[in-house]
Amino acid sequence: MGLAFLVVGALPLHAHSDGAFTIHEVSEKVAPKASLELQKDPTGGFNVHVVTSNFVWRPEQASKKHVSGEGHAHVYLDGRKIMRIYSEWFHLNTYQFSTRAGEQLLSIEFVGNDHAPYTIQGNPIGSEQIINVPRDEIQPDATDRVGATTLGIVFVAILLIVALFWRRFLAKQ
């Protein structure tokens, strides 16, 4: 179950428009609204439904001219932009985007076709929810990969030493 609200100051403003930073200031009366409904996907990650009002998803207009009331959304996980979404449903692949287990803030920010954020009094408009990412659904740590590689090399080296020892001393007897 999601919580509908305006995000005030929690989301970073990362938008751009033709090289110059802009925002789309709107009144609360006409502002896009959203709530997030999350379901755990049995194969991992979350299926996310962004329930919206006062907003028209326009994927075919992404990176084009701003038209009031339409656009797409930017998705953030723990304050790091991870993707754009162009409709009310998306799959959050935690294995791909999450670098740690535990509670993390998932947030969406409404943006115009030109990627500039919709704001009320300068604050980005969107929705957010805390998710709990299981340890087995995160990116492998680079140190884990190095550790496994090192262990493999050590194992192969031991096998070679044993084989050489066997050949040199035990095979002659």
Protein backbone atom coordinates (compact mmCIF):
# COMPACT_ATOMS: atom_id res chain seq x y z
CA MET A 1 0.00 0.00 0.00
CA GLY A 2 1.42 3.37 -1.00
CA LEU A 3 1.13 6.77 0.53
CA ALA A 4 0.10 9.71 -1.63
CA PHE A 5 1.78 13.01 -0.85
CA LEU A 6 3.87 15.76 -2.29
CA VAL A 7 7.58 15.24 -1.80
CA VAL A 8 9.00 18.40 -0.29
CA GLY A 9 12.76 18.73 -0.33
CA ALA A 10 13.43 14.98 -0.20
CA LEU A 11 14.23 14.48 -3.87
CA PRO A 12 17.29 15.93 -5.55
CA LEU A 13 16.63 18.18 -8.52
CA HIS A 14 18.48 16.54 -11.40
CA ALA A 15 16.45 17.80 -14.32
CA HIS A 16 17.78 19.55 -17.38
CA SER A 17 16.33 21.28 -20.42
CA ASP A 18 18.37 22.27 -23.45
CA GLY A 19 21.45 22.70 -21.28
CA ALA A 20 19.77 25.20 -18.93
CA PHE A 21 18.18 24.26 -15.63
CA THR A 22 14.44 24.90 -15.51
CA ILE A 23 11.49 23.87 -13.41
CA HIS A 24 7.78 23.70 -14.10
CA GLU A 25 6.19 25.52 -11.17
CA VAL A 26 2.52 24.57 -10.73
CA SER A 27 -0.15 25.28 -8.16
CA GLU A 28 -1.20 22.56 -5.76
CA LYS A 29 -4.64 22.54 -7.43
CA VAL A 30 -3.29 21.37 -10.82
CA ALA A 31 -0.17 19.55 -9.59
CA PRO A 32 0.39 15.91 -10.56
CA LYS A 33 -0.31 13.53 -7.69
CA ALA A 34 0.92 10.00 -7.16
CA SER A 35 0.93 7.09 -4.80
CA LEU A 36 3.12 4.00 -5.06
CA GLU A 37 1.65 0.51 -4.77
CA LEU A 38 4.34 -2.15 -4.49
CA GLN A 39 4.11 -5.91 -4.79
CA LYS A 40 7.03 -8.22 -4.16
CA ASP A 41 7.81 -10.07 -7.39
CA PRO A 42 8.28 -13.81 -6.77
CA THR A 43 11.37 -13.82 -9.03
CA GLY A 44 12.94 -10.86 -7.22
CA GLY A 45 12.53 -7.12 -6.99
CA PHE A 46 9.22 -5.27 -6.89
CA ASN A 47 6.40 -4.58 -9.32
CA VAL A 48 5.51 -0.93 -8.82
CA HIS A 49 2.23 0.75 -9.77
CA VAL A 50 2.41 4.55 -9.84
CA VAL A 51 -1.20 5.63 -9.36
CA THR A 52 -1.50 9.15 -10.77
CA SER A 53 -3.94 11.99 -11.21
CA ASN A 54 -3.52 15.35 -12.98
CA PHE A 55 -0.82 13.80 -15.17
CA VAL A 56 -0.62 12.32 -18.68
CA TRP A 57 2.20 9.88 -19.43
CA ARG A 58 3.75 10.86 -22.79
CA PRO A 59 6.71 8.59 -23.58
CA GLU A 60 6.70 9.55 -27.25
CA GLN A 61 7.39 13.18 -26.24
CA ALA A 62 10.40 12.47 -23.97
CA SER A 63 13.21 15.01 -24.48
CA LYS A 64 10.92 17.24 -26.52
CA LYS A 65 9.02 20.46 -25.86
CA HIS A 66 7.24 20.87 -22.52
CA VAL A 67 3.44 20.64 -22.51
CA SER A 68 1.83 21.39 -19.16
CA GLY A 69 0.42 18.36 -17.35
CA GLU A 70 2.29 15.70 -19.30
CA GLY A 71 5.67 13.99 -19.23
CA HIS A 72 7.28 11.03 -17.53
CA ALA A 73 8.97 10.32 -14.19
CA HIS A 74 12.49 9.83 -12.90
CA VAL A 75 13.01 7.02 -10.39
CA TYR A 76 15.47 7.24 -7.51
CA LEU A 77 16.71 4.56 -5.12
CA ASP A 78 18.33 6.00 -2.00
CA GLY A 79 18.72 9.37 -3.74
CA ARG A 80 20.45 7.93 -6.82
CA LYS A 81 18.64 8.25 -10.15
CA ILE A 82 18.27 4.76 -11.59
CA MET A 83 15.82 5.10 -14.49
CA ARG A 84 13.07 6.94 -16.31
CA ILE A 85 9.55 5.52 -16.44
CA TYR A 86 7.01 6.25 -19.13
CA SER A 87 3.88 4.62 -17.73
CA GLU A 88 2.21 3.77 -14.47
CA TRP A 89 3.81 0.31 -14.12
CA PHE A 90 7.47 -0.67 -13.85
CA HIS A 91 9.62 -3.43 -12.40
CA LEU A 92 12.23 -2.41 -9.84
CA ASN A 93 15.03 -4.90 -10.36
CA THR A 94 16.79 -4.71 -7.01
CA TYR A 95 19.57 -7.04 -8.20
CA GLN A 96 20.44 -4.49 -10.88
CA PHE A 97 20.05 -1.27 -8.90
CA SER A 98 20.48 -1.98 -5.19
CA THR A 99 23.97 -2.08 -3.74
CA ARG A 100 23.00 -2.95 -0.20
CA ALA A 101 20.37 -4.95 1.66
CA GLY A 102 17.81 -3.46 4.02
CA GLU A 103 15.51 -0.47 4.06
CA GLN A 104 15.91 1.98 1.18
CA LEU A 105 13.95 4.96 -0.10
CA LEU A 106 12.26 4.45 -3.47
CA SER A 107 11.03 7.73 -4.94
CA ILE A 108 9.62 9.03 -8.18
CA GLU A 109 9.75 12.62 -9.43
CA PHE A 110 7.33 13.92 -12.06
CA VAL A 111 9.10 15.70 -14.92
CA GLY A 112 7.93 17.38 -18.09
CA ASN A 113 8.72 16.11 -21.54
CA ASP A 114 11.91 18.21 -21.31
CA HIS A 115 13.00 16.42 -18.07
CA ALA A 116 12.51 19.54 -15.92
CA PRO A 117 10.76 18.71 -12.64
CA TYR A 118 7.26 19.72 -11.76
CA THR A 119 7.44 21.72 -8.54
CA ILE A 120 5.28 23.48 -5.97
CA GLN A 121 7.11 26.43 -4.44
CA GLY A 122 10.36 25.02 -5.82
CA ASN A 123 9.89 21.56 -4.28
CA PRO A 124 9.77 18.54 -6.61
CA ILE A 125 6.48 16.67 -6.90
CA GLY A 126 6.38 12.89 -6.64
CA SER A 127 5.95 10.06 -4.22
CA GLU A 128 8.21 7.91 -2.10
CA GLN A 129 8.11 4.73 -0.09
CA ILE A 130 10.54 2.73 2.00
CA ILE A 131 11.30 -0.74 0.60
CA ASN A 132 13.15 -3.59 2.27
CA VAL A 133 15.63 -5.25 -0.08
CA PRO A 134 16.61 -8.83 0.82
CA ARG A 135 20.33 -9.64 0.94
CA ASP A 136 20.01 -12.22 -1.85
CA GLU A 137 18.56 -9.59 -4.22
CA ILE A 138 21.42 -7.10 -4.41
CA GLN A 139 24.36 -6.58 -6.75
CA PRO A 140 27.34 -8.72 -5.85
CA ASP A 141 29.94 -6.59 -4.14
CA ALA A 142 33.11 -6.13 -6.18
CA THR A 143 35.10 -7.38 -3.20
CA ASP A 144 32.99 -10.57 -3.21
CA ARG A 145 33.95 -11.17 -6.86
CA VAL A 146 37.62 -10.49 -6.11
CA GLY A 147 37.46 -12.82 -3.10
CA ALA A 148 35.92 -15.63 -5.15
CA THR A 149 38.48 -15.15 -7.93
CA THR A 150 41.34 -15.18 -5.43
CA LEU A 151 39.97 -18.34 -3.80
CA GLY A 152 39.74 -20.02 -7.20
CA ILE A 153 43.33 -19.09 -8.06
CA VAL A 154 44.59 -20.39 -4.70
CA PHE A 155 42.68 -23.66 -5.21
CA VAL A 156 44.17 -24.17 -8.70
CA ALA A 157 47.65 -23.36 -7.36
CA ILE A 158 47.28 -25.96 -4.58
CA LEU A 159 46.13 -28.57 -7.10
CA LEU A 160 49.17 -27.85 -9.28
CA ILE A 161 51.53 -28.12 -6.32
CA VAL A 162 49.96 -31.43 -5.26
CA ALA A 163 50.16 -32.75 -8.84
CA LEU A 164 53.83 -31.75 -9.13
CA PHE A 165 54.62 -33.25 -5.73
CA TRP A 166 52.81 -36.46 -6.71
CA ARG A 167 54.67 -36.68 -10.00
CA ARG A 168 58.09 -35.91 -8.58
CA PHE A 169 58.15 -37.88 -5.34
CA LEU A 170 55.34 -40.39 -5.16
CA ALA A 171 55.17 -41.55 -8.77
CA LYS A 172 58.84 -42.69 -8.71
CA GLN A 173 58.26 -45.16 -5.92
